[in-house]
Amino acid sequence: LFALPKAVHLATIGAIGLMVDSTRIITYWRGGVVLPE
């Protein structure tokens, strides 16, 4: 809706996603979620 230039749109989404996903991954890790080797 902000009609950003396409590169700025995607880069901004990526930067916001890094913030959110970093928080999620840390939360899963601290919550004891494990993955098979």
PDB file of all heavy atoms in Angstrom:
ATOM      1  N   LEU A   1       0.815  -1.212   0.000  1.00  0.00           N
ATOM      2  CA  LEU A   1       0.000   0.000   0.000  1.00  0.00           C
ATOM      3  C   LEU A   1       0.850   1.265   0.000  1.00  0.00           C
ATOM      4  O   LEU A   1       0.375   2.332  -0.382  1.00  0.00           O
ATOM      5  CB  LEU A   1      -0.934   0.011   1.221  1.00  0.00           C
ATOM      6  CG  LEU A   1      -2.021  -1.062   1.255  1.00  0.00           C
ATOM      7  CD1 LEU A   1      -2.788  -0.987   2.567  1.00  0.00           C
ATOM      8  CD2 LEU A   1      -2.977  -0.893   0.082  1.00  0.00           C
ATOM      9  N   PHE A   2       2.108   1.155   0.429  1.00  0.00           N
ATOM     10  CA  PHE A   2       2.980   2.318   0.456  1.00  0.00           C
ATOM     11  C   PHE A   2       3.610   2.604  -0.909  1.00  0.00           C
ATOM     12  O   PHE A   2       4.302   3.612  -1.066  1.00  0.00           O
ATOM     13  CB  PHE A   2       4.074   2.130   1.503  1.00  0.00           C
ATOM     14  CG  PHE A   2       3.563   2.028   2.910  1.00  0.00           C
ATOM     15  CD1 PHE A   2       3.780   0.894   3.665  1.00  0.00           C
ATOM     16  CD2 PHE A   2       2.839   3.062   3.477  1.00  0.00           C
ATOM     17  CE1 PHE A   2       3.302   0.788   4.961  1.00  0.00           C
ATOM     18  CE2 PHE A   2       2.359   2.969   4.778  1.00  0.00           C
ATOM     19  CZ  PHE A   2       2.589   1.832   5.516  1.00  0.00           C
ATOM     20  N   ALA A   3       3.372   1.694  -1.877  1.00  0.00           N
ATOM     21  CA  ALA A   3       3.850   1.892  -3.254  1.00  0.00           C
ATOM     22  C   ALA A   3       5.336   2.229  -3.305  1.00  0.00           C
ATOM     23  O   ALA A   3       5.760   3.174  -3.966  1.00  0.00           O
ATOM     24  CB  ALA A   3       3.027   2.976  -3.954  1.00  0.00           C
ATOM     25  N   LEU A   4       6.138   1.446  -2.598  1.00  0.00           N
ATOM     26  CA  LEU A   4       7.582   1.667  -2.608  1.00  0.00           C
ATOM     27  C   LEU A   4       8.190   1.162  -3.913  1.00  0.00           C
ATOM     28  O   LEU A   4       7.632   0.279  -4.571  1.00  0.00           O
ATOM     29  CB  LEU A   4       8.227   0.909  -1.437  1.00  0.00           C
ATOM     30  CG  LEU A   4       7.734   1.237  -0.025  1.00  0.00           C
ATOM     31  CD1 LEU A   4       8.347   0.263   0.972  1.00  0.00           C
ATOM     32  CD2 LEU A   4       8.071   2.665   0.348  1.00  0.00           C
ATOM     33  N   PRO A   5       9.334   1.699  -4.326  1.00  0.00           N
ATOM     34  CA  PRO A   5      10.059   1.089  -5.443  1.00  0.00           C
ATOM     35  C   PRO A   5      10.303  -0.391  -5.135  1.00  0.00           C
ATOM     36  O   PRO A   5      10.539  -0.767  -3.982  1.00  0.00           O
ATOM     37  CB  PRO A   5      11.373   1.877  -5.481  1.00  0.00           C
ATOM     38  CG  PRO A   5      11.018   3.201  -4.873  1.00  0.00           C
ATOM     39  CD  PRO A   5      10.000   2.909  -3.810  1.00  0.00           C
ATOM     40  N   LYS A   6      10.262  -1.238  -6.157  1.00  0.00           N
ATOM     41  CA  LYS A   6      10.252  -2.687  -5.917  1.00  0.00           C
ATOM     42  C   LYS A   6      11.473  -3.172  -5.133  1.00  0.00           C
ATOM     43  O   LYS A   6      11.345  -4.033  -4.256  1.00  0.00           O
ATOM     44  CB  LYS A   6      10.124  -3.440  -7.247  1.00  0.00           C
ATOM     45  CG  LYS A   6      11.161  -3.064  -8.293  1.00  0.00           C
ATOM     46  CD  LYS A   6      10.833  -3.698  -9.646  1.00  0.00           C
ATOM     47  CE  LYS A   6      11.855  -3.316 -10.690  1.00  0.00           C
ATOM     48  NZ  LYS A   6      11.537  -3.882 -12.021  1.00  0.00           N
ATOM     49  N   ALA A   7      12.656  -2.627  -5.423  1.00  0.00           N
ATOM     50  CA  ALA A   7      13.845  -3.047  -4.685  1.00  0.00           C
ATOM     51  C   ALA A   7      13.758  -2.627  -3.224  1.00  0.00           C
ATOM     52  O   ALA A   7      14.122  -3.390  -2.325  1.00  0.00           O
ATOM     53  CB  ALA A   7      15.105  -2.460  -5.327  1.00  0.00           C
ATOM     54  N   VAL A   8      13.271  -1.432  -2.975  1.00  0.00           N
ATOM     55  CA  VAL A   8      13.115  -0.952  -1.600  1.00  0.00           C
ATOM     56  C   VAL A   8      12.054  -1.768  -0.874  1.00  0.00           C
ATOM     57  O   VAL A   8      12.201  -2.108   0.303  1.00  0.00           O
ATOM     58  CB  VAL A   8      12.740   0.551  -1.593  1.00  0.00           C
ATOM     59  CG1 VAL A   8      12.488   1.042  -0.170  1.00  0.00           C
ATOM     60  CG2 VAL A   8      13.839   1.369  -2.252  1.00  0.00           C
ATOM     61  N   HIS A   9      10.976  -2.099  -1.582  1.00  0.00           N
ATOM     62  CA  HIS A   9       9.907  -2.935  -1.011  1.00  0.00           C
ATOM     63  C   HIS A   9      10.474  -4.267  -0.515  1.00  0.00           C
ATOM     64  O   HIS A   9      10.238  -4.675   0.628  1.00  0.00           O
ATOM     65  CB  HIS A   9       8.836  -3.174  -2.082  1.00  0.00           C
ATOM     66  CG  HIS A   9       7.740  -4.114  -1.679  1.00  0.00           C
ATOM     67  ND1 HIS A   9       6.544  -3.682  -1.149  1.00  0.00           N
ATOM     68  CD2 HIS A   9       7.654  -5.465  -1.729  1.00  0.00           C
ATOM     69  CE1 HIS A   9       5.773  -4.723  -0.891  1.00  0.00           C
ATOM     70  NE2 HIS A   9       6.434  -5.817  -1.242  1.00  0.00           N
ATOM     71  N   LEU A  10      11.239  -4.952  -1.374  1.00  0.00           N
ATOM     72  CA  LEU A  10      11.753  -6.277  -1.021  1.00  0.00           C
ATOM     73  C   LEU A  10      12.852  -6.200   0.034  1.00  0.00           C
ATOM     74  O   LEU A  10      12.917  -7.040   0.930  1.00  0.00           O
ATOM     75  CB  LEU A  10      12.264  -6.982  -2.283  1.00  0.00           C
ATOM     76  CG  LEU A  10      11.171  -7.336  -3.303  1.00  0.00           C
ATOM     77  CD1 LEU A  10      11.783  -7.867  -4.589  1.00  0.00           C
ATOM     78  CD2 LEU A  10      10.201  -8.362  -2.718  1.00  0.00           C
ATOM     79  N   ALA A  11      13.734  -5.197  -0.075  1.00  0.00           N
ATOM     80  CA  ALA A  11      14.793  -5.045   0.923  1.00  0.00           C
ATOM     81  C   ALA A  11      14.211  -4.715   2.287  1.00  0.00           C
ATOM     82  O   ALA A  11      14.681  -5.224   3.316  1.00  0.00           O
ATOM     83  CB  ALA A  11      15.772  -3.953   0.487  1.00  0.00           C
ATOM     84  N   THR A  12      13.177  -3.883   2.319  1.00  0.00           N
ATOM     85  CA  THR A  12      12.532  -3.519   3.589  1.00  0.00           C
ATOM     86  C   THR A  12      11.852  -4.721   4.205  1.00  0.00           C
ATOM     87  O   THR A  12      11.943  -4.955   5.416  1.00  0.00           O
ATOM     88  CB  THR A  12      11.522  -2.384   3.361  1.00  0.00           C
ATOM     89  OG1 THR A  12      12.211  -1.243   2.830  1.00  0.00           O
ATOM     90  CG2 THR A  12      10.834  -1.987   4.658  1.00  0.00           C
ATOM     91  N   ILE A  13      11.151  -5.514   3.383  1.00  0.00           N
ATOM     92  CA  ILE A  13      10.529  -6.743   3.871  1.00  0.00           C
ATOM     93  C   ILE A  13      11.590  -7.683   4.433  1.00  0.00           C
ATOM     94  O   ILE A  13      11.401  -8.308   5.487  1.00  0.00           O
ATOM     95  CB  ILE A  13       9.739  -7.434   2.743  1.00  0.00           C
ATOM     96  CG1 ILE A  13       8.403  -6.722   2.530  1.00  0.00           C
ATOM     97  CG2 ILE A  13       9.503  -8.905   3.053  1.00  0.00           C
ATOM     98  CD1 ILE A  13       7.552  -7.344   1.451  1.00  0.00           C
ATOM     99  N   GLY A  14      12.730  -7.800   3.733  1.00  0.00           N
ATOM    100  CA  GLY A  14      13.799  -8.659   4.213  1.00  0.00           C
ATOM    101  C   GLY A  14      14.350  -8.215   5.557  1.00  0.00           C
ATOM    102  O   GLY A  14      14.586  -9.032   6.446  1.00  0.00           O
ATOM    103  N   ALA A  15      14.555  -6.900   5.723  1.00  0.00           N
ATOM    104  CA  ALA A  15      15.089  -6.374   6.988  1.00  0.00           C
ATOM    105  C   ALA A  15      14.111  -6.603   8.139  1.00  0.00           C
ATOM    106  O   ALA A  15      14.509  -7.003   9.239  1.00  0.00           O
ATOM    107  CB  ALA A  15      15.395  -4.886   6.841  1.00  0.00           C
ATOM    108  N   ILE A  16      12.815  -6.358   7.893  1.00  0.00           N
ATOM    109  CA  ILE A  16      11.818  -6.598   8.929  1.00  0.00           C
ATOM    110  C   ILE A  16      11.748  -8.089   9.242  1.00  0.00           C
ATOM    111  O   ILE A  16      11.662  -8.500  10.416  1.00  0.00           O
ATOM    112  CB  ILE A  16      10.436  -6.081   8.480  1.00  0.00           C
ATOM    113  CG1 ILE A  16      10.460  -4.560   8.323  1.00  0.00           C
ATOM    114  CG2 ILE A  16       9.351  -6.490   9.475  1.00  0.00           C
ATOM    115  CD1 ILE A  16       9.204  -3.984   7.695  1.00  0.00           C
ATOM    116  N   GLY A  17      11.810  -8.917   8.197  1.00  0.00           N
ATOM    117  CA  GLY A  17      11.777 -10.358   8.406  1.00  0.00           C
ATOM    118  C   GLY A  17      12.955 -10.863   9.227  1.00  0.00           C
ATOM    119  O   GLY A  17      12.804 -11.778  10.038  1.00  0.00           O
ATOM    120  N   LEU A  18      14.140 -10.267   9.022  1.00  0.00           N
ATOM    121  CA  LEU A  18      15.300 -10.665   9.822  1.00  0.00           C
ATOM    122  C   LEU A  18      15.053 -10.426  11.302  1.00  0.00           C
ATOM    123  O   LEU A  18      15.417 -11.260  12.152  1.00  0.00           O
ATOM    124  CB  LEU A  18      16.544  -9.886   9.372  1.00  0.00           C
ATOM    125  CG  LEU A  18      17.285 -10.397   8.138  1.00  0.00           C
ATOM    126  CD1 LEU A  18      18.400  -9.446   7.761  1.00  0.00           C
ATOM    127  CD2 LEU A  18      17.835 -11.806   8.380  1.00  0.00           C
ATOM    128  N   MET A  19      14.419  -9.311  11.633  1.00  0.00           N
ATOM    129  CA  MET A  19      14.101  -9.009  13.031  1.00  0.00           C
ATOM    130  C   MET A  19      13.142 -10.044  13.599  1.00  0.00           C
ATOM    131  O   MET A  19      13.370 -10.614  14.676  1.00  0.00           O
ATOM    132  CB  MET A  19      13.489  -7.612  13.136  1.00  0.00           C
ATOM    133  CG  MET A  19      14.404  -6.475  12.733  1.00  0.00           C
ATOM    134  SD  MET A  19      13.521  -4.893  12.571  1.00  0.00           S
ATOM    135  CE  MET A  19      12.827  -4.721  14.207  1.00  0.00           C
ATOM    136  N   VAL A  20      12.069 -10.301  12.861  1.00  0.00           N
ATOM    137  CA  VAL A  20      11.036 -11.217  13.340  1.00  0.00           C
ATOM    138  C   VAL A  20      11.562 -12.648  13.426  1.00  0.00           C
ATOM    139  O   VAL A  20      11.362 -13.350  14.425  1.00  0.00           O
ATOM    140  CB  VAL A  20       9.800 -11.152  12.425  1.00  0.00           C
ATOM    141  CG1 VAL A  20       8.759 -12.196  12.836  1.00  0.00           C
ATOM    142  CG2 VAL A  20       9.185  -9.760  12.463  1.00  0.00           C
ATOM    143  N   ASP A  21      12.265 -13.099  12.368  1.00  0.00           N
ATOM    144  CA  ASP A  21      12.738 -14.479  12.336  1.00  0.00           C
ATOM    145  C   ASP A  21      13.833 -14.730  13.360  1.00  0.00           C
ATOM    146  O   ASP A  21      13.933 -15.834  13.917  1.00  0.00           O
ATOM    147  CB  ASP A  21      13.239 -14.837  10.935  1.00  0.00           C
ATOM    148  CG  ASP A  21      12.100 -15.003   9.945  1.00  0.00           C
ATOM    149  OD1 ASP A  21      10.979 -15.294  10.385  1.00  0.00           O
ATOM    150  OD2 ASP A  21      12.328 -14.835   8.736  1.00  0.00           O
ATOM    151  N   SER A  22      14.686 -13.731  13.612  1.00  0.00           N
ATOM    152  CA  SER A  22      15.703 -13.901  14.652  1.00  0.00           C
ATOM    153  C   SER A  22      15.047 -14.125  16.012  1.00  0.00           C
ATOM    154  O   SER A  22      15.473 -14.996  16.788  1.00  0.00           O
ATOM    155  CB  SER A  22      16.603 -12.652  14.708  1.00  0.00           C
ATOM    156  OG  SER A  22      17.332 -12.490  13.518  1.00  0.00           O
ATOM    157  N   THR A  23      13.996 -13.360  16.278  1.00  0.00           N
ATOM    158  CA  THR A  23      13.269 -13.527  17.537  1.00  0.00           C
ATOM    159  C   THR A  23      12.629 -14.905  17.604  1.00  0.00           C
ATOM    160  O   THR A  23      12.670 -15.586  18.641  1.00  0.00           O
ATOM    161  CB  THR A  23      12.183 -12.436  17.670  1.00  0.00           C
ATOM    162  OG1 THR A  23      12.803 -11.153  17.599  1.00  0.00           O
ATOM    163  CG2 THR A  23      11.442 -12.565  18.997  1.00  0.00           C
ATOM    164  N   ARG A  24      12.030 -15.340  16.483  1.00  0.00           N
ATOM    165  CA  ARG A  24      11.371 -16.647  16.466  1.00  0.00           C
ATOM    166  C   ARG A  24      12.368 -17.773  16.704  1.00  0.00           C
ATOM    167  O   ARG A  24      12.121 -18.693  17.493  1.00  0.00           O
ATOM    168  CB  ARG A  24      10.678 -16.870  15.116  1.00  0.00           C
ATOM    169  CG  ARG A  24       9.403 -16.099  14.916  1.00  0.00           C
ATOM    170  CD  ARG A  24       8.561 -16.743  13.834  1.00  0.00           C
ATOM    171  NE  ARG A  24       9.254 -16.831  12.555  1.00  0.00           N
ATOM    172  CZ  ARG A  24       9.063 -17.808  11.677  1.00  0.00           C
ATOM    173  NH1 ARG A  24       8.236 -18.801  11.964  1.00  0.00           N
ATOM    174  NH2 ARG A  24       9.702 -17.809  10.525  1.00  0.00           N
ATOM    175  N   ILE A  25      13.501 -17.727  16.007  1.00  0.00           N
ATOM    176  CA  ILE A  25      14.480 -18.809  16.119  1.00  0.00           C
ATOM    177  C   ILE A  25      15.025 -18.908  17.534  1.00  0.00           C
ATOM    178  O   ILE A  25      15.171 -20.005  18.098  1.00  0.00           O
ATOM    179  CB  ILE A  25      15.613 -18.598  15.098  1.00  0.00           C
ATOM    180  CG1 ILE A  25      15.084 -18.813  13.680  1.00  0.00           C
ATOM    181  CG2 ILE A  25      16.785 -19.543  15.376  1.00  0.00           C
ATOM    182  CD1 ILE A  25      16.069 -18.432  12.589  1.00  0.00           C
ATOM    183  N   ILE A  26      15.328 -17.750  18.129  1.00  0.00           N
ATOM    184  CA  ILE A  26      15.816 -17.747  19.513  1.00  0.00           C
ATOM    185  C   ILE A  26      14.759 -18.316  20.459  1.00  0.00           C
ATOM    186  O   ILE A  26      15.073 -19.088  21.374  1.00  0.00           O
ATOM    187  CB  ILE A  26      16.218 -16.321  19.934  1.00  0.00           C
ATOM    188  CG1 ILE A  26      17.446 -15.867  19.145  1.00  0.00           C
ATOM    189  CG2 ILE A  26      16.494 -16.257  21.444  1.00  0.00           C
ATOM    190  CD1 ILE A  26      17.798 -14.412  19.354  1.00  0.00           C
ATOM    191  N   THR A  27      13.509 -17.967  20.224  1.00  0.00           N
ATOM    192  CA  THR A  27      12.421 -18.463  21.063  1.00  0.00           C
ATOM    193  C   THR A  27      12.281 -19.974  20.942  1.00  0.00           C
ATOM    194  O   THR A  27      12.136 -20.684  21.943  1.00  0.00           O
ATOM    195  CB  THR A  27      11.087 -17.788  20.675  1.00  0.00           C
ATOM    196  OG1 THR A  27      11.220 -16.366  20.818  1.00  0.00           O
ATOM    197  CG2 THR A  27       9.949 -18.279  21.570  1.00  0.00           C
ATOM    198  N   TYR A  28      12.321 -20.495  19.709  1.00  0.00           N
ATOM    199  CA  TYR A  28      12.236 -21.942  19.521  1.00  0.00           C
ATOM    200  C   TYR A  28      13.415 -22.644  20.203  1.00  0.00           C
ATOM    201  O   TYR A  28      13.252 -23.672  20.867  1.00  0.00           O
ATOM    202  CB  TYR A  28      12.244 -22.291  18.027  1.00  0.00           C
ATOM    203  CG  TYR A  28      11.099 -21.729  17.234  1.00  0.00           C
ATOM    204  CD1 TYR A  28      11.265 -21.339  15.902  1.00  0.00           C
ATOM    205  CD2 TYR A  28       9.828 -21.568  17.799  1.00  0.00           C
ATOM    206  CE1 TYR A  28      10.220 -20.823  15.165  1.00  0.00           C
ATOM    207  CE2 TYR A  28       8.783 -21.049  17.066  1.00  0.00           C
ATOM    208  CZ  TYR A  28       8.981 -20.680  15.753  1.00  0.00           C
ATOM    209  OH  TYR A  28       7.953 -20.157  15.019  1.00  0.00           O
ATOM    210  N   TRP A  29      14.606 -22.075  20.028  1.00  0.00           N
ATOM    211  CA  TRP A  29      15.814 -22.700  20.585  1.00  0.00           C
ATOM    212  C   TRP A  29      15.745 -22.733  22.107  1.00  0.00           C
ATOM    213  O   TRP A  29      16.004 -23.767  22.723  1.00  0.00           O
ATOM    214  CB  TRP A  29      17.041 -21.923  20.108  1.00  0.00           C
ATOM    215  CG  TRP A  29      18.346 -22.493  20.590  1.00  0.00           C
ATOM    216  CD1 TRP A  29      19.015 -22.192  21.721  1.00  0.00           C
ATOM    217  CD2 TRP A  29      19.134 -23.487  19.923  1.00  0.00           C
ATOM    218  NE1 TRP A  29      20.169 -22.909  21.819  1.00  0.00           N
ATOM    219  CE2 TRP A  29      20.275 -23.721  20.735  1.00  0.00           C
ATOM    220  CE3 TRP A  29      18.994 -24.186  18.729  1.00  0.00           C
ATOM    221  CZ2 TRP A  29      21.259 -24.639  20.373  1.00  0.00           C
ATOM    222  CZ3 TRP A  29      19.985 -25.092  18.367  1.00  0.00           C
ATOM    223  CH2 TRP A  29      21.091 -25.301  19.186  1.00  0.00           C
ATOM    224  N   ARG A  30      15.406 -21.606  22.703  1.00  0.00           N
ATOM    225  CA  ARG A  30      15.317 -21.539  24.165  1.00  0.00           C
ATOM    226  C   ARG A  30      14.163 -22.374  24.695  1.00  0.00           C
ATOM    227  O   ARG A  30      14.174 -22.800  25.849  1.00  0.00           O
ATOM    228  CB  ARG A  30      15.162 -20.090  24.618  1.00  0.00           C
ATOM    229  CG  ARG A  30      16.387 -19.223  24.326  1.00  0.00           C
ATOM    230  CD  ARG A  30      16.231 -17.825  24.883  1.00  0.00           C
ATOM    231  NE  ARG A  30      16.115 -17.845  26.340  1.00  0.00           N
ATOM    232  CZ  ARG A  30      15.926 -16.779  27.097  1.00  0.00           C
ATOM    233  NH1 ARG A  30      15.801 -15.582  26.517  1.00  0.00           N
ATOM    234  NH2 ARG A  30      15.845 -16.872  28.399  1.00  0.00           N
ATOM    235  N   GLY A  31      13.167 -22.604  23.849  1.00  0.00           N
ATOM    236  CA  GLY A  31      12.026 -23.425  24.255  1.00  0.00           C
ATOM    237  C   GLY A  31      12.302 -24.907  24.178  1.00  0.00           C
ATOM    238  O   GLY A  31      11.415 -25.716  24.480  1.00  0.00           O
ATOM    239  N   GLY A  32      13.505 -25.282  23.748  1.00  0.00           N
ATOM    240  CA  GLY A  32      13.878 -26.687  23.740  1.00  0.00           C
ATOM    241  C   GLY A  32      13.582 -27.435  22.461  1.00  0.00           C
ATOM    242  O   GLY A  32      13.674 -28.668  22.420  1.00  0.00           O
ATOM    243  N   VAL A  33      13.229 -26.712  21.381  1.00  0.00           N
ATOM    244  CA  VAL A  33      12.967 -27.388  20.114  1.00  0.00           C
ATOM    245  C   VAL A  33      14.290 -27.849  19.517  1.00  0.00           C
ATOM    246  O   VAL A  33      15.252 -27.083  19.435  1.00  0.00           O
ATOM    247  CB  VAL A  33      12.246 -26.446  19.125  1.00  0.00           C
ATOM    248  CG1 VAL A  33      11.965 -27.174  17.816  1.00  0.00           C
ATOM    249  CG2 VAL A  33      10.959 -25.916  19.734  1.00  0.00           C
ATOM    250  N   VAL A  34      14.342 -29.102  19.114  1.00  0.00           N
ATOM    251  CA  VAL A  34      15.568 -29.669  18.544  1.00  0.00           C
ATOM    252  C   VAL A  34      15.263 -30.258  17.172  1.00  0.00           C
ATOM    253  O   VAL A  34      14.125 -30.592  16.852  1.00  0.00           O
ATOM    254  CB  VAL A  34      16.168 -30.756  19.464  1.00  0.00           C
ATOM    255  CG1 VAL A  34      16.602 -30.165  20.787  1.00  0.00           C
ATOM    256  CG2 VAL A  34      15.167 -31.882  19.692  1.00  0.00           C
ATOM    257  N   LEU A  35      16.304 -30.361  16.361  1.00  0.00           N
ATOM    258  CA  LEU A  35      16.182 -30.958  15.035  1.00  0.00           C
ATOM    259  C   LEU A  35      17.058 -32.201  14.958  1.00  0.00           C
ATOM    260  O   LEU A  35      18.126 -32.261  15.581  1.00  0.00           O
ATOM    261  CB  LEU A  35      16.634 -29.974  13.952  1.00  0.00           C
ATOM    262  CG  LEU A  35      15.802 -28.707  13.750  1.00  0.00           C
ATOM    263  CD1 LEU A  35      16.464 -27.822  12.702  1.00  0.00           C
ATOM    264  CD2 LEU A  35      14.382 -29.048  13.351  1.00  0.00           C
ATOM    265  N   PRO A  36      16.642 -33.199  14.186  1.00  0.00           N
ATOM    266  CA  PRO A  36      17.505 -34.359  13.954  1.00  0.00           C
ATOM    267  C   PRO A  36      18.807 -33.930  13.275  1.00  0.00           C
ATOM    268  O   PRO A  36      18.835 -32.944  12.533  1.00  0.00           O
ATOM    269  CB  PRO A  36      16.660 -35.247  13.019  1.00  0.00           C
ATOM    270  CG  PRO A  36      15.244 -34.795  13.201  1.00  0.00           C
ATOM    271  CD  PRO A  36      15.329 -33.336  13.520  1.00  0.00           C
ATOM    272  N   GLU A  37      19.849 -34.679  13.517  1.00  0.00           N
ATOM    273  CA  GLU A  37      21.157 -34.334  12.954  1.00  0.00           C
ATOM    274  C   GLU A  37      21.115 -34.275  11.432  1.00  0.00           C
ATOM    275  O   GLU A  37      21.792 -33.449  10.814  1.00  0.00           O
ATOM    276  CB  GLU A  37      22.205 -35.357  13.412  1.00  0.00           C
ATOM    277  CG  GLU A  37      23.619 -35.035  12.954  1.00  0.00           C
ATOM    278  CD  GLU A  37      24.644 -36.030  13.484  1.00  0.00           C
ATOM    279  OE1 GLU A  37      24.273 -36.851  14.342  1.00  0.00           O
ATOM    280  OE2 GLU A  37      25.798 -35.985  13.012  1.00  0.00           O
TER     281      GLU A  37
END
